[in-house]
């Protein structure tokens, strides 16, 4: 466990949390429903307490992998079409060749 349940407000502490009355690691048969849920809870609490909450807090390997992969694809597409996008601005050179087009617009 990366942090202690003692930092959690009492109503949110499970009965078997370290520091709770009657806690005996591995002897009372009580466990958290999921180690991942416990870790996520601690991550959320620590992040909120720090005061720098991201717009999208990704929890878990799959969430991080899928989101980063999606962002990379979007960045690649935006970079590919950047000159076309910029050409729509006021006082910009227009037309510009589309990606994959010949540069001869004649």
N, C-alpha and C. Protein backbone atom coordinates (compact mmCIF):
# COMPACT_ATOMS: atom_id res chain seq x y z
N UNK A 1 0.85 -1.17 0.00
CA UNK A 1 0.00 0.00 0.00
C UNK A 1 0.89 1.23 0.00
N UNK A 2 0.62 2.17 -0.91
CA UNK A 2 1.50 3.31 -1.07
C UNK A 2 1.24 4.42 -0.06
N UNK A 3 0.10 4.45 0.54
CA UNK A 3 -0.21 5.45 1.55
C UNK A 3 -1.11 4.82 2.60
N UNK A 4 -1.35 5.49 3.66
CA UNK A 4 -2.10 4.91 4.76
C UNK A 4 -3.56 5.31 4.73
N UNK A 5 -4.42 4.40 5.15
CA UNK A 5 -5.84 4.70 5.23
C UNK A 5 -6.13 5.67 6.36
N UNK A 6 -5.15 5.89 7.22
CA UNK A 6 -5.37 6.82 8.33
C UNK A 6 -5.62 8.23 7.85
N UNK A 7 -5.20 8.56 6.62
CA UNK A 7 -5.43 9.91 6.12
C UNK A 7 -6.85 10.08 5.59
N UNK A 8 -7.61 9.01 5.51
CA UNK A 8 -8.98 9.07 5.02
C UNK A 8 -9.92 9.46 6.16
N UNK A 9 -10.94 10.29 5.88
CA UNK A 9 -11.92 10.62 6.91
C UNK A 9 -12.55 9.34 7.46
N UNK A 10 -12.84 9.29 8.75
CA UNK A 10 -13.35 8.10 9.41
C UNK A 10 -14.53 7.45 8.68
N UNK A 11 -15.54 8.17 8.20
CA UNK A 11 -16.66 7.48 7.55
C UNK A 11 -16.26 6.66 6.32
N UNK A 12 -15.13 6.99 5.71
CA UNK A 12 -14.71 6.28 4.51
C UNK A 12 -13.72 5.16 4.78
N UNK A 13 -13.26 5.03 5.99
CA UNK A 13 -12.30 3.97 6.31
C UNK A 13 -13.02 2.63 6.40
N UNK A 14 -12.47 1.62 5.78
CA UNK A 14 -13.01 0.28 6.00
C UNK A 14 -12.62 -0.19 7.39
N UNK A 15 -13.36 -1.13 7.91
CA UNK A 15 -13.12 -1.63 9.26
C UNK A 15 -11.73 -2.23 9.38
N UNK A 16 -11.24 -2.81 8.30
CA UNK A 16 -9.95 -3.51 8.39
C UNK A 16 -8.77 -2.65 7.96
N UNK A 17 -8.91 -1.35 7.90
CA UNK A 17 -7.81 -0.50 7.47
C UNK A 17 -6.72 -0.43 8.53
N UNK A 18 -5.48 -0.32 8.10
CA UNK A 18 -4.41 -0.16 9.08
C UNK A 18 -4.71 1.02 9.98
N UNK A 19 -4.51 0.84 11.26
CA UNK A 19 -4.80 1.89 12.22
C UNK A 19 -6.21 1.83 12.78
N UNK A 20 -7.07 0.99 12.19
CA UNK A 20 -8.43 0.84 12.70
C UNK A 20 -8.43 -0.18 13.84
N UNK A 21 -9.35 -0.04 14.80
CA UNK A 21 -9.43 -1.03 15.88
C UNK A 21 -9.68 -2.43 15.31
N UNK A 22 -9.01 -3.41 15.83
CA UNK A 22 -9.24 -4.79 15.42
C UNK A 22 -8.52 -5.21 14.16
N UNK A 23 -7.69 -4.35 13.59
CA UNK A 23 -6.99 -4.71 12.37
C UNK A 23 -5.82 -5.64 12.69
N UNK A 24 -5.78 -6.74 12.02
CA UNK A 24 -4.65 -7.67 12.12
C UNK A 24 -4.39 -8.19 10.72
N UNK A 25 -3.34 -7.73 10.11
CA UNK A 25 -3.07 -8.08 8.72
C UNK A 25 -3.05 -9.58 8.50
N UNK A 26 -3.92 -10.04 7.65
CA UNK A 26 -3.94 -11.44 7.25
C UNK A 26 -4.53 -12.40 8.26
N UNK A 27 -5.02 -11.92 9.40
CA UNK A 27 -5.53 -12.85 10.39
C UNK A 27 -7.03 -12.76 10.60
N UNK A 28 -7.64 -11.65 10.19
CA UNK A 28 -9.07 -11.52 10.45
C UNK A 28 -9.94 -11.91 9.26
N UNK A 29 -9.32 -12.29 8.15
CA UNK A 29 -10.07 -12.76 6.98
C UNK A 29 -10.74 -11.64 6.20
N UNK A 30 -10.60 -10.42 6.62
CA UNK A 30 -11.23 -9.31 5.92
C UNK A 30 -10.22 -8.69 4.96
N UNK A 31 -10.67 -8.38 3.77
CA UNK A 31 -9.79 -7.76 2.79
C UNK A 31 -10.56 -6.66 2.07
N UNK A 32 -9.82 -5.79 1.40
CA UNK A 32 -10.45 -4.78 0.55
C UNK A 32 -11.12 -5.51 -0.60
N UNK A 33 -12.19 -4.95 -1.15
CA UNK A 33 -12.84 -5.59 -2.30
C UNK A 33 -11.89 -5.75 -3.48
N UNK A 34 -11.00 -4.82 -3.65
CA UNK A 34 -10.07 -4.88 -4.78
C UNK A 34 -8.86 -4.03 -4.45
N UNK A 35 -7.70 -4.58 -4.68
CA UNK A 35 -6.48 -3.80 -4.45
C UNK A 35 -6.45 -2.60 -5.39
N UNK A 36 -6.94 -2.78 -6.62
CA UNK A 36 -6.95 -1.67 -7.58
C UNK A 36 -7.87 -0.56 -7.09
N UNK A 37 -9.02 -0.91 -6.56
CA UNK A 37 -9.95 0.10 -6.06
C UNK A 37 -9.32 0.86 -4.89
N UNK A 38 -8.61 0.15 -4.05
CA UNK A 38 -7.93 0.78 -2.92
C UNK A 38 -6.86 1.75 -3.43
N UNK A 39 -6.04 1.29 -4.36
CA UNK A 39 -5.00 2.15 -4.91
C UNK A 39 -5.60 3.37 -5.61
N UNK A 40 -6.69 3.16 -6.36
CA UNK A 40 -7.34 4.27 -7.05
C UNK A 40 -7.86 5.30 -6.05
N UNK A 41 -8.45 4.80 -4.97
CA UNK A 41 -8.96 5.71 -3.94
C UNK A 41 -7.85 6.55 -3.35
N UNK A 42 -6.75 5.93 -3.02
CA UNK A 42 -5.62 6.67 -2.46
C UNK A 42 -5.06 7.66 -3.48
N UNK A 43 -5.00 7.25 -4.74
CA UNK A 43 -4.50 8.15 -5.78
C UNK A 43 -5.40 9.38 -5.90
N UNK A 44 -6.70 9.17 -5.88
CA UNK A 44 -7.64 10.29 -5.99
C UNK A 44 -7.50 11.22 -4.79
N UNK A 45 -7.46 10.66 -3.58
CA UNK A 45 -7.33 11.48 -2.37
C UNK A 45 -6.03 12.29 -2.41
N UNK A 46 -4.93 11.64 -2.75
CA UNK A 46 -3.64 12.34 -2.81
C UNK A 46 -3.65 13.44 -3.87
N UNK A 47 -4.25 13.17 -5.01
CA UNK A 47 -4.29 14.15 -6.10
C UNK A 47 -5.12 15.36 -5.71
N UNK A 48 -6.28 15.12 -5.13
CA UNK A 48 -7.14 16.24 -4.73
C UNK A 48 -6.48 17.07 -3.63
N UNK A 49 -5.86 16.41 -2.69
CA UNK A 49 -5.18 17.14 -1.61
C UNK A 49 -4.03 17.99 -2.12
N UNK A 50 -3.41 17.54 -3.17
CA UNK A 50 -2.28 18.30 -3.73
C UNK A 50 -2.75 19.59 -4.37
N UNK A 51 -3.99 19.59 -4.85
CA UNK A 51 -4.56 20.81 -5.42
C UNK A 51 -4.31 20.99 -6.90
N UNK A 52 -3.63 20.07 -7.54
CA UNK A 52 -3.38 20.15 -8.97
C UNK A 52 -4.11 19.00 -9.65
N UNK A 53 -5.42 19.13 -9.74
CA UNK A 53 -6.24 18.05 -10.29
C UNK A 53 -6.26 18.16 -11.81
N UNK A 54 -5.87 17.10 -12.50
CA UNK A 54 -5.91 17.14 -13.97
C UNK A 54 -7.35 17.11 -14.48
N UNK A 55 -7.55 17.59 -15.68
CA UNK A 55 -8.88 17.57 -16.28
C UNK A 55 -9.41 16.15 -16.45
N UNK A 56 -8.51 15.23 -16.70
CA UNK A 56 -8.86 13.82 -16.85
C UNK A 56 -7.84 13.00 -16.09
N UNK A 57 -8.22 12.50 -14.93
CA UNK A 57 -7.33 11.65 -14.14
C UNK A 57 -7.51 10.22 -14.60
N UNK A 58 -6.53 9.70 -15.30
CA UNK A 58 -6.61 8.36 -15.86
C UNK A 58 -6.16 7.35 -14.81
N UNK A 59 -6.99 6.40 -14.52
CA UNK A 59 -6.67 5.39 -13.51
C UNK A 59 -6.61 4.02 -14.16
N UNK A 60 -5.45 3.44 -14.18
CA UNK A 60 -5.27 2.10 -14.72
C UNK A 60 -4.46 2.11 -16.00
N UNK A 61 -3.84 0.98 -16.25
CA UNK A 61 -2.98 0.82 -17.42
C UNK A 61 -3.77 0.98 -18.71
N UNK A 62 -4.91 0.34 -18.81
CA UNK A 62 -5.69 0.42 -20.05
C UNK A 62 -6.17 1.83 -20.33
N UNK A 63 -6.64 2.53 -19.30
CA UNK A 63 -7.10 3.90 -19.49
C UNK A 63 -5.97 4.78 -19.97
N UNK A 64 -4.81 4.65 -19.37
CA UNK A 64 -3.65 5.45 -19.77
C UNK A 64 -3.21 5.10 -21.19
N UNK A 65 -3.08 3.81 -21.48
CA UNK A 65 -2.63 3.38 -22.82
C UNK A 65 -3.58 3.85 -23.91
N UNK A 66 -4.87 3.63 -23.71
CA UNK A 66 -5.85 4.00 -24.74
C UNK A 66 -5.91 5.51 -24.95
N UNK A 67 -5.85 6.27 -23.87
CA UNK A 67 -5.94 7.72 -23.98
C UNK A 67 -4.70 8.30 -24.64
N UNK A 68 -3.53 7.83 -24.24
CA UNK A 68 -2.28 8.33 -24.84
C UNK A 68 -2.22 7.95 -26.32
N UNK A 69 -2.63 6.73 -26.64
CA UNK A 69 -2.63 6.30 -28.04
C UNK A 69 -3.59 7.17 -28.87
N UNK A 70 -4.76 7.44 -28.33
CA UNK A 70 -5.73 8.28 -29.03
C UNK A 70 -5.17 9.70 -29.22
N UNK A 71 -4.53 10.24 -28.18
CA UNK A 71 -3.96 11.59 -28.28
C UNK A 71 -2.85 11.64 -29.33
N UNK A 72 -2.04 10.60 -29.40
CA UNK A 72 -0.96 10.56 -30.40
C UNK A 72 -1.53 10.52 -31.82
N UNK A 73 -2.60 9.74 -32.02
CA UNK A 73 -3.24 9.70 -33.35
C UNK A 73 -3.82 11.05 -33.71
N UNK A 74 -4.46 11.72 -32.75
CA UNK A 74 -5.03 13.05 -33.00
C UNK A 74 -3.94 14.05 -33.33
N UNK A 75 -2.81 13.99 -32.59
CA UNK A 75 -1.70 14.91 -32.85
C UNK A 75 -1.12 14.66 -34.24
N UNK A 76 -0.98 13.40 -34.62
CA UNK A 76 -0.46 13.07 -35.94
C UNK A 76 -1.38 13.63 -37.04
N UNK A 77 -2.67 13.44 -36.87
CA UNK A 77 -3.63 13.95 -37.85
C UNK A 77 -3.60 15.48 -37.91
N UNK A 78 -3.55 16.13 -36.75
CA UNK A 78 -3.51 17.59 -36.71
C UNK A 78 -2.25 18.12 -37.39
N UNK A 79 -1.13 17.44 -37.17
CA UNK A 79 0.13 17.86 -37.78
C UNK A 79 0.07 17.69 -39.30
N UNK A 80 -0.51 16.58 -39.74
CA UNK A 80 -0.64 16.32 -41.18
C UNK A 80 -1.47 17.40 -41.86
N UNK A 81 -2.53 17.86 -41.23
CA UNK A 81 -3.46 18.83 -41.82
C UNK A 81 -3.21 20.26 -41.34
N UNK A 82 -2.11 20.50 -40.63
CA UNK A 82 -1.87 21.81 -40.04
C UNK A 82 -1.87 22.94 -41.06
N UNK A 83 -1.17 22.79 -42.17
CA UNK A 83 -1.10 23.86 -43.16
C UNK A 83 -2.47 24.15 -43.78
N UNK A 84 -3.26 23.13 -43.99
CA UNK A 84 -4.62 23.33 -44.52
C UNK A 84 -5.45 24.09 -43.49
N UNK A 85 -5.35 23.70 -42.25
CA UNK A 85 -6.09 24.38 -41.19
C UNK A 85 -5.70 25.84 -41.08
N UNK A 86 -4.39 26.11 -41.11
CA UNK A 86 -3.91 27.48 -41.01
C UNK A 86 -4.32 28.32 -42.21
N UNK A 87 -4.44 27.70 -43.37
CA UNK A 87 -4.79 28.44 -44.58
C UNK A 87 -6.20 29.02 -44.52
N UNK A 88 -7.01 28.54 -43.61
CA UNK A 88 -8.37 29.06 -43.46
C UNK A 88 -8.39 30.35 -42.66
N UNK A 89 -7.24 30.72 -42.07
CA UNK A 89 -7.17 31.95 -41.28
C UNK A 89 -7.09 33.18 -42.15
N UNK A 90 -7.52 34.31 -41.58
CA UNK A 90 -7.47 35.59 -42.27
C UNK A 90 -6.03 35.94 -42.63
N UNK A 91 -5.83 36.42 -43.82
CA UNK A 91 -4.53 36.86 -44.33
C UNK A 91 -3.51 35.73 -44.46
N UNK A 92 -3.97 34.52 -44.56
CA UNK A 92 -3.07 33.37 -44.77
C UNK A 92 -3.11 32.99 -46.24
N UNK A 93 -2.00 32.42 -46.72
CA UNK A 93 -1.94 31.96 -48.10
C UNK A 93 -2.98 30.87 -48.33
N UNK A 94 -3.71 31.03 -49.41
CA UNK A 94 -4.74 30.05 -49.73
C UNK A 94 -4.85 30.00 -51.25
N UNK A 95 -5.05 28.91 -51.87
CA UNK A 95 -5.15 27.58 -51.28
C UNK A 95 -3.77 26.97 -51.05
N UNK A 96 -3.75 25.97 -50.27
CA UNK A 96 -2.54 25.20 -50.04
C UNK A 96 -2.84 23.77 -50.47
N UNK A 97 -1.81 23.03 -50.84
CA UNK A 97 -2.08 21.64 -51.24
C UNK A 97 -2.58 20.82 -50.05
N UNK A 98 -3.47 19.92 -50.34
CA UNK A 98 -3.95 19.00 -49.31
C UNK A 98 -2.89 17.92 -49.11
N UNK A 99 -2.86 17.31 -47.97
CA UNK A 99 -1.87 16.24 -47.74
C UNK A 99 -1.95 15.18 -48.84
N UNK A 100 -0.80 14.86 -49.42
CA UNK A 100 -0.75 13.85 -50.48
C UNK A 100 -1.03 14.40 -51.86
N UNK A 101 -1.40 15.66 -51.98
CA UNK A 101 -1.67 16.30 -53.28
C UNK A 101 -0.39 16.85 -53.87
N UNK A 102 -0.36 16.99 -55.19
CA UNK A 102 0.73 17.71 -55.83
C UNK A 102 0.71 19.14 -55.37
N UNK A 103 1.88 19.74 -55.26
CA UNK A 103 1.93 21.14 -54.83
C UNK A 103 1.55 22.11 -55.94
N UNK A 104 1.40 21.61 -57.16
CA UNK A 104 1.02 22.46 -58.28
C UNK A 104 -0.49 22.67 -58.28
N UNK A 105 -0.94 23.84 -57.81
CA UNK A 105 -2.36 24.13 -57.73
C UNK A 105 -2.85 24.82 -58.98
N UNK A 106 -1.94 25.07 -59.96
CA UNK A 106 -2.18 25.81 -61.17
C UNK A 106 -3.37 25.44 -61.88
